[in-house]
Amino acid sequence: MIANNMETVEANVEAEEAWSKHCREVAEATLFTKTESWYTGANIPGKTRRFLIYLGGAGAYRQKCTEIAENGYEEFTFEKSPAPIQGSVK
């Protein structure tokens, strides 16, 4: 992002919803979602229960990241910075 002077990146609504659905499906295949714990937000009164940790593993996560990059980040919106961004690019 620094090399392209990009300041922000946001997933579109459809991509966000699809990822959330995938995360829920993976979590539902475990016992984590069957308990009242901080994993589901049960430690905060009134909080909507949902599982906030991705359980698909690093390999699956990396594969999804690669797929997104290979498709040109089409599910994301990037915004340029009004001024040059300082930082190192490797």
N, C-alpha and C. Protein backbone atom coordinates (compact mmCIF):
# COMPACT_ATOMS: atom_id res chain seq x y z
N MET A 1 0.81 -1.17 0.00
CA MET A 1 0.00 0.00 0.00
C MET A 1 0.87 1.25 0.00
N ILE A 2 1.97 1.21 0.71
CA ILE A 2 2.86 2.38 0.75
C ILE A 2 3.40 2.67 -0.65
N ALA A 3 3.80 1.63 -1.35
CA ALA A 3 4.38 1.81 -2.69
C ALA A 3 3.38 2.46 -3.65
N ASN A 4 2.09 2.24 -3.43
CA ASN A 4 1.06 2.82 -4.29
C ASN A 4 0.36 4.02 -3.66
N ASN A 5 0.92 4.53 -2.57
CA ASN A 5 0.39 5.69 -1.86
C ASN A 5 -1.06 5.50 -1.44
N MET A 6 -1.40 4.27 -1.04
CA MET A 6 -2.75 3.98 -0.58
C MET A 6 -2.83 4.15 0.93
N GLU A 7 -3.90 4.82 1.38
CA GLU A 7 -4.06 5.10 2.79
C GLU A 7 -5.04 4.14 3.46
N THR A 8 -6.13 3.79 2.78
CA THR A 8 -7.14 2.91 3.37
C THR A 8 -7.55 1.82 2.39
N VAL A 9 -8.04 0.72 2.97
CA VAL A 9 -8.62 -0.37 2.19
C VAL A 9 -9.83 -0.88 2.96
N GLU A 10 -10.92 -1.10 2.25
CA GLU A 10 -12.16 -1.58 2.86
C GLU A 10 -12.73 -2.70 2.00
N ALA A 11 -13.19 -3.76 2.67
CA ALA A 11 -13.89 -4.83 1.96
C ALA A 11 -15.29 -4.35 1.62
N ASN A 12 -15.82 -4.79 0.46
CA ASN A 12 -17.20 -4.42 0.15
C ASN A 12 -18.16 -5.26 1.00
N VAL A 13 -19.40 -4.85 1.07
CA VAL A 13 -20.38 -5.48 1.94
C VAL A 13 -20.55 -6.97 1.62
N GLU A 14 -20.61 -7.30 0.34
CA GLU A 14 -20.81 -8.69 -0.05
C GLU A 14 -19.65 -9.57 0.39
N ALA A 15 -18.43 -9.07 0.24
CA ALA A 15 -17.26 -9.84 0.65
C ALA A 15 -17.23 -10.00 2.16
N GLU A 16 -17.58 -8.95 2.86
CA GLU A 16 -17.61 -9.00 4.32
C GLU A 16 -18.63 -10.02 4.81
N GLU A 17 -19.82 -10.01 4.21
CA GLU A 17 -20.87 -10.96 4.59
C GLU A 17 -20.48 -12.39 4.25
N ALA A 18 -19.86 -12.60 3.10
CA ALA A 18 -19.43 -13.95 2.70
C ALA A 18 -18.36 -14.48 3.66
N TRP A 19 -17.41 -13.63 4.05
CA TRP A 19 -16.36 -14.06 4.97
C TRP A 19 -16.95 -14.37 6.34
N SER A 20 -17.86 -13.54 6.80
CA SER A 20 -18.51 -13.78 8.09
C SER A 20 -19.28 -15.09 8.08
N LYS A 21 -19.98 -15.36 6.98
CA LYS A 21 -20.72 -16.62 6.86
C LYS A 21 -19.77 -17.81 6.89
N HIS A 22 -18.68 -17.72 6.16
CA HIS A 22 -17.68 -18.79 6.15
C HIS A 22 -17.12 -19.03 7.56
N CYS A 23 -16.79 -17.95 8.25
CA CYS A 23 -16.26 -18.06 9.62
C CYS A 23 -17.27 -18.73 10.54
N ARG A 24 -18.56 -18.36 10.42
CA ARG A 24 -19.61 -18.98 11.24
C ARG A 24 -19.71 -20.47 10.95
N GLU A 25 -19.68 -20.83 9.67
CA GLU A 25 -19.80 -22.24 9.29
C GLU A 25 -18.65 -23.06 9.85
N VAL A 26 -17.45 -22.53 9.77
CA VAL A 26 -16.28 -23.24 10.31
C VAL A 26 -16.41 -23.38 11.82
N ALA A 27 -16.79 -22.31 12.49
CA ALA A 27 -16.92 -22.33 13.95
C ALA A 27 -18.03 -23.27 14.41
N GLU A 28 -19.13 -23.33 13.67
CA GLU A 28 -20.26 -24.18 14.05
C GLU A 28 -19.90 -25.67 14.02
N ALA A 29 -18.84 -26.01 13.32
CA ALA A 29 -18.40 -27.41 13.25
C ALA A 29 -17.57 -27.79 14.48
N THR A 30 -17.43 -26.87 15.43
CA THR A 30 -16.65 -27.12 16.65
C THR A 30 -17.55 -27.00 17.88
N LEU A 31 -16.98 -27.27 19.03
CA LEU A 31 -17.70 -27.09 20.29
C LEU A 31 -17.59 -25.67 20.83
N PHE A 32 -16.72 -24.86 20.27
CA PHE A 32 -16.54 -23.50 20.76
C PHE A 32 -17.85 -22.72 20.82
N THR A 33 -18.69 -22.87 19.81
CA THR A 33 -19.92 -22.09 19.75
C THR A 33 -21.02 -22.66 20.62
N LYS A 34 -20.79 -23.79 21.24
CA LYS A 34 -21.80 -24.44 22.07
C LYS A 34 -21.71 -24.04 23.55
N THR A 35 -20.77 -23.17 23.87
CA THR A 35 -20.56 -22.78 25.25
C THR A 35 -20.74 -21.27 25.41
N GLU A 36 -20.93 -20.86 26.65
CA GLU A 36 -20.97 -19.44 26.98
C GLU A 36 -19.55 -19.05 27.39
N SER A 37 -18.85 -18.35 26.53
CA SER A 37 -17.47 -17.97 26.82
C SER A 37 -17.14 -16.64 26.17
N TRP A 38 -15.95 -16.15 26.48
CA TRP A 38 -15.52 -14.89 25.86
C TRP A 38 -15.31 -15.05 24.36
N TYR A 39 -15.14 -16.30 23.88
CA TYR A 39 -15.01 -16.52 22.44
C TYR A 39 -16.27 -16.07 21.70
N THR A 40 -17.41 -16.15 22.36
CA THR A 40 -18.67 -15.77 21.72
C THR A 40 -19.21 -14.44 22.23
N GLY A 41 -18.47 -13.77 23.10
CA GLY A 41 -18.89 -12.50 23.66
C GLY A 41 -19.79 -12.62 24.87
N ALA A 42 -19.90 -13.83 25.45
CA ALA A 42 -20.77 -14.06 26.60
C ALA A 42 -20.32 -13.29 27.84
N ASN A 43 -19.10 -12.84 27.86
CA ASN A 43 -18.59 -12.11 29.02
C ASN A 43 -19.03 -10.65 29.04
N ILE A 44 -19.76 -10.22 28.01
CA ILE A 44 -20.23 -8.83 27.94
C ILE A 44 -21.76 -8.84 27.90
N PRO A 45 -22.39 -8.46 29.00
CA PRO A 45 -23.86 -8.49 29.04
C PRO A 45 -24.48 -7.68 27.90
N GLY A 46 -25.47 -8.28 27.26
CA GLY A 46 -26.18 -7.60 26.18
C GLY A 46 -25.51 -7.69 24.81
N LYS A 47 -24.30 -8.21 24.76
CA LYS A 47 -23.59 -8.29 23.47
C LYS A 47 -24.18 -9.41 22.61
N THR A 48 -24.33 -9.15 21.34
CA THR A 48 -24.78 -10.18 20.41
C THR A 48 -23.76 -11.30 20.36
N ARG A 49 -24.21 -12.53 20.48
CA ARG A 49 -23.31 -13.67 20.46
C ARG A 49 -22.87 -13.99 19.04
N ARG A 50 -21.57 -14.02 18.84
CA ARG A 50 -21.00 -14.46 17.57
C ARG A 50 -19.56 -14.85 17.82
N PHE A 51 -19.06 -15.70 16.97
CA PHE A 51 -17.71 -16.21 17.15
C PHE A 51 -16.75 -15.32 16.37
N LEU A 52 -15.74 -14.77 17.04
CA LEU A 52 -14.89 -13.74 16.45
C LEU A 52 -13.52 -14.23 15.99
N ILE A 53 -13.25 -15.50 16.12
CA ILE A 53 -11.92 -16.02 15.79
C ILE A 53 -12.06 -16.97 14.59
N TYR A 54 -11.16 -16.87 13.62
CA TYR A 54 -11.19 -17.77 12.47
C TYR A 54 -10.53 -19.09 12.82
N LEU A 55 -11.28 -20.18 12.66
CA LEU A 55 -10.78 -21.50 13.03
C LEU A 55 -10.40 -22.37 11.85
N GLY A 56 -10.36 -21.81 10.66
CA GLY A 56 -10.06 -22.59 9.46
C GLY A 56 -8.59 -22.93 9.29
N GLY A 57 -7.74 -22.33 10.09
CA GLY A 57 -6.30 -22.61 10.01
C GLY A 57 -5.56 -21.63 9.13
N ALA A 58 -4.27 -21.54 9.41
CA ALA A 58 -3.41 -20.59 8.68
C ALA A 58 -3.32 -20.93 7.20
N GLY A 59 -3.29 -22.21 6.87
CA GLY A 59 -3.19 -22.61 5.47
C GLY A 59 -4.39 -22.16 4.65
N ALA A 60 -5.58 -22.39 5.18
CA ALA A 60 -6.81 -21.98 4.48
C ALA A 60 -6.91 -20.46 4.39
N TYR A 61 -6.50 -19.78 5.46
CA TYR A 61 -6.53 -18.32 5.46
C TYR A 61 -5.56 -17.77 4.41
N ARG A 62 -4.36 -18.33 4.37
CA ARG A 62 -3.35 -17.89 3.40
C ARG A 62 -3.82 -18.15 1.97
N GLN A 63 -4.48 -19.30 1.76
CA GLN A 63 -5.00 -19.64 0.44
C GLN A 63 -6.05 -18.62 0.00
N LYS A 64 -6.92 -18.20 0.92
CA LYS A 64 -7.94 -17.20 0.61
C LYS A 64 -7.28 -15.86 0.29
N CYS A 65 -6.26 -15.48 1.05
CA CYS A 65 -5.54 -14.23 0.79
C CYS A 65 -4.90 -14.25 -0.60
N THR A 66 -4.30 -15.37 -0.96
CA THR A 66 -3.68 -15.53 -2.28
C THR A 66 -4.72 -15.42 -3.38
N GLU A 67 -5.86 -16.07 -3.18
CA GLU A 67 -6.95 -16.02 -4.16
C GLU A 67 -7.44 -14.58 -4.37
N ILE A 68 -7.60 -13.85 -3.29
CA ILE A 68 -8.03 -12.45 -3.38
C ILE A 68 -7.01 -11.62 -4.15
N ALA A 69 -5.73 -11.80 -3.84
CA ALA A 69 -4.67 -11.06 -4.54
C ALA A 69 -4.63 -11.41 -6.02
N GLU A 70 -4.76 -12.69 -6.35
CA GLU A 70 -4.73 -13.12 -7.74
C GLU A 70 -5.91 -12.56 -8.54
N ASN A 71 -7.01 -12.26 -7.85
CA ASN A 71 -8.19 -11.68 -8.51
C ASN A 71 -8.17 -10.15 -8.48
N GLY A 72 -7.01 -9.58 -8.16
CA GLY A 72 -6.86 -8.13 -8.21
C GLY A 72 -7.58 -7.38 -7.11
N TYR A 73 -7.82 -8.03 -5.99
CA TYR A 73 -8.48 -7.39 -4.84
C TYR A 73 -9.83 -6.79 -5.24
N GLU A 74 -10.55 -7.49 -6.15
CA GLU A 74 -11.79 -6.94 -6.69
C GLU A 74 -12.88 -6.74 -5.64
N GLU A 75 -12.77 -7.37 -4.49
CA GLU A 75 -13.77 -7.22 -3.43
C GLU A 75 -13.43 -6.09 -2.46
N PHE A 76 -12.41 -5.29 -2.80
CA PHE A 76 -11.94 -4.24 -1.91
C PHE A 76 -11.91 -2.89 -2.62
N THR A 77 -12.05 -1.84 -1.81
CA THR A 77 -11.93 -0.48 -2.31
C THR A 77 -10.71 0.15 -1.63
N PHE A 78 -9.82 0.70 -2.44
CA PHE A 78 -8.61 1.36 -1.94
C PHE A 78 -8.75 2.86 -2.14
N GLU A 79 -8.22 3.63 -1.20
CA GLU A 79 -8.20 5.08 -1.34
C GLU A 79 -6.79 5.60 -1.17
N LYS A 80 -6.41 6.48 -2.08
CA LYS A 80 -5.08 7.07 -2.04
C LYS A 80 -4.99 8.10 -0.92
N SER A 81 -3.79 8.27 -0.44
CA SER A 81 -3.51 9.30 0.55
C SER A 81 -3.36 10.63 -0.16
N PRO A 82 -3.85 11.72 0.45
CA PRO A 82 -3.67 13.03 -0.18
C PRO A 82 -2.21 13.49 -0.19
N ALA A 83 -1.39 12.91 0.67
CA ALA A 83 0.04 13.26 0.74
C ALA A 83 0.85 11.98 0.67
N PRO A 84 2.09 12.07 0.21
CA PRO A 84 2.93 10.86 0.15
C PRO A 84 3.04 10.20 1.53
N ILE A 85 2.97 8.87 1.53
CA ILE A 85 3.07 8.10 2.75
C ILE A 85 4.54 7.76 2.99
N GLN A 86 5.00 8.04 4.18
CA GLN A 86 6.40 7.73 4.54
C GLN A 86 6.45 6.29 5.07
N GLY A 87 7.50 5.58 4.72
CA GLY A 87 7.68 4.24 5.22
C GLY A 87 8.61 3.46 4.32
N SER A 88 8.95 2.30 4.77
CA SER A 88 9.84 1.46 3.97
C SER A 88 9.04 0.47 3.16
N VAL A 89 9.48 0.19 1.97
CA VAL A 89 8.86 -0.78 1.09
C VAL A 89 9.87 -1.88 0.84
N LYS A 90 9.47 -3.09 1.12
CA LYS A 90 10.39 -4.23 0.90
C LYS A 90 9.86 -5.13 -0.16
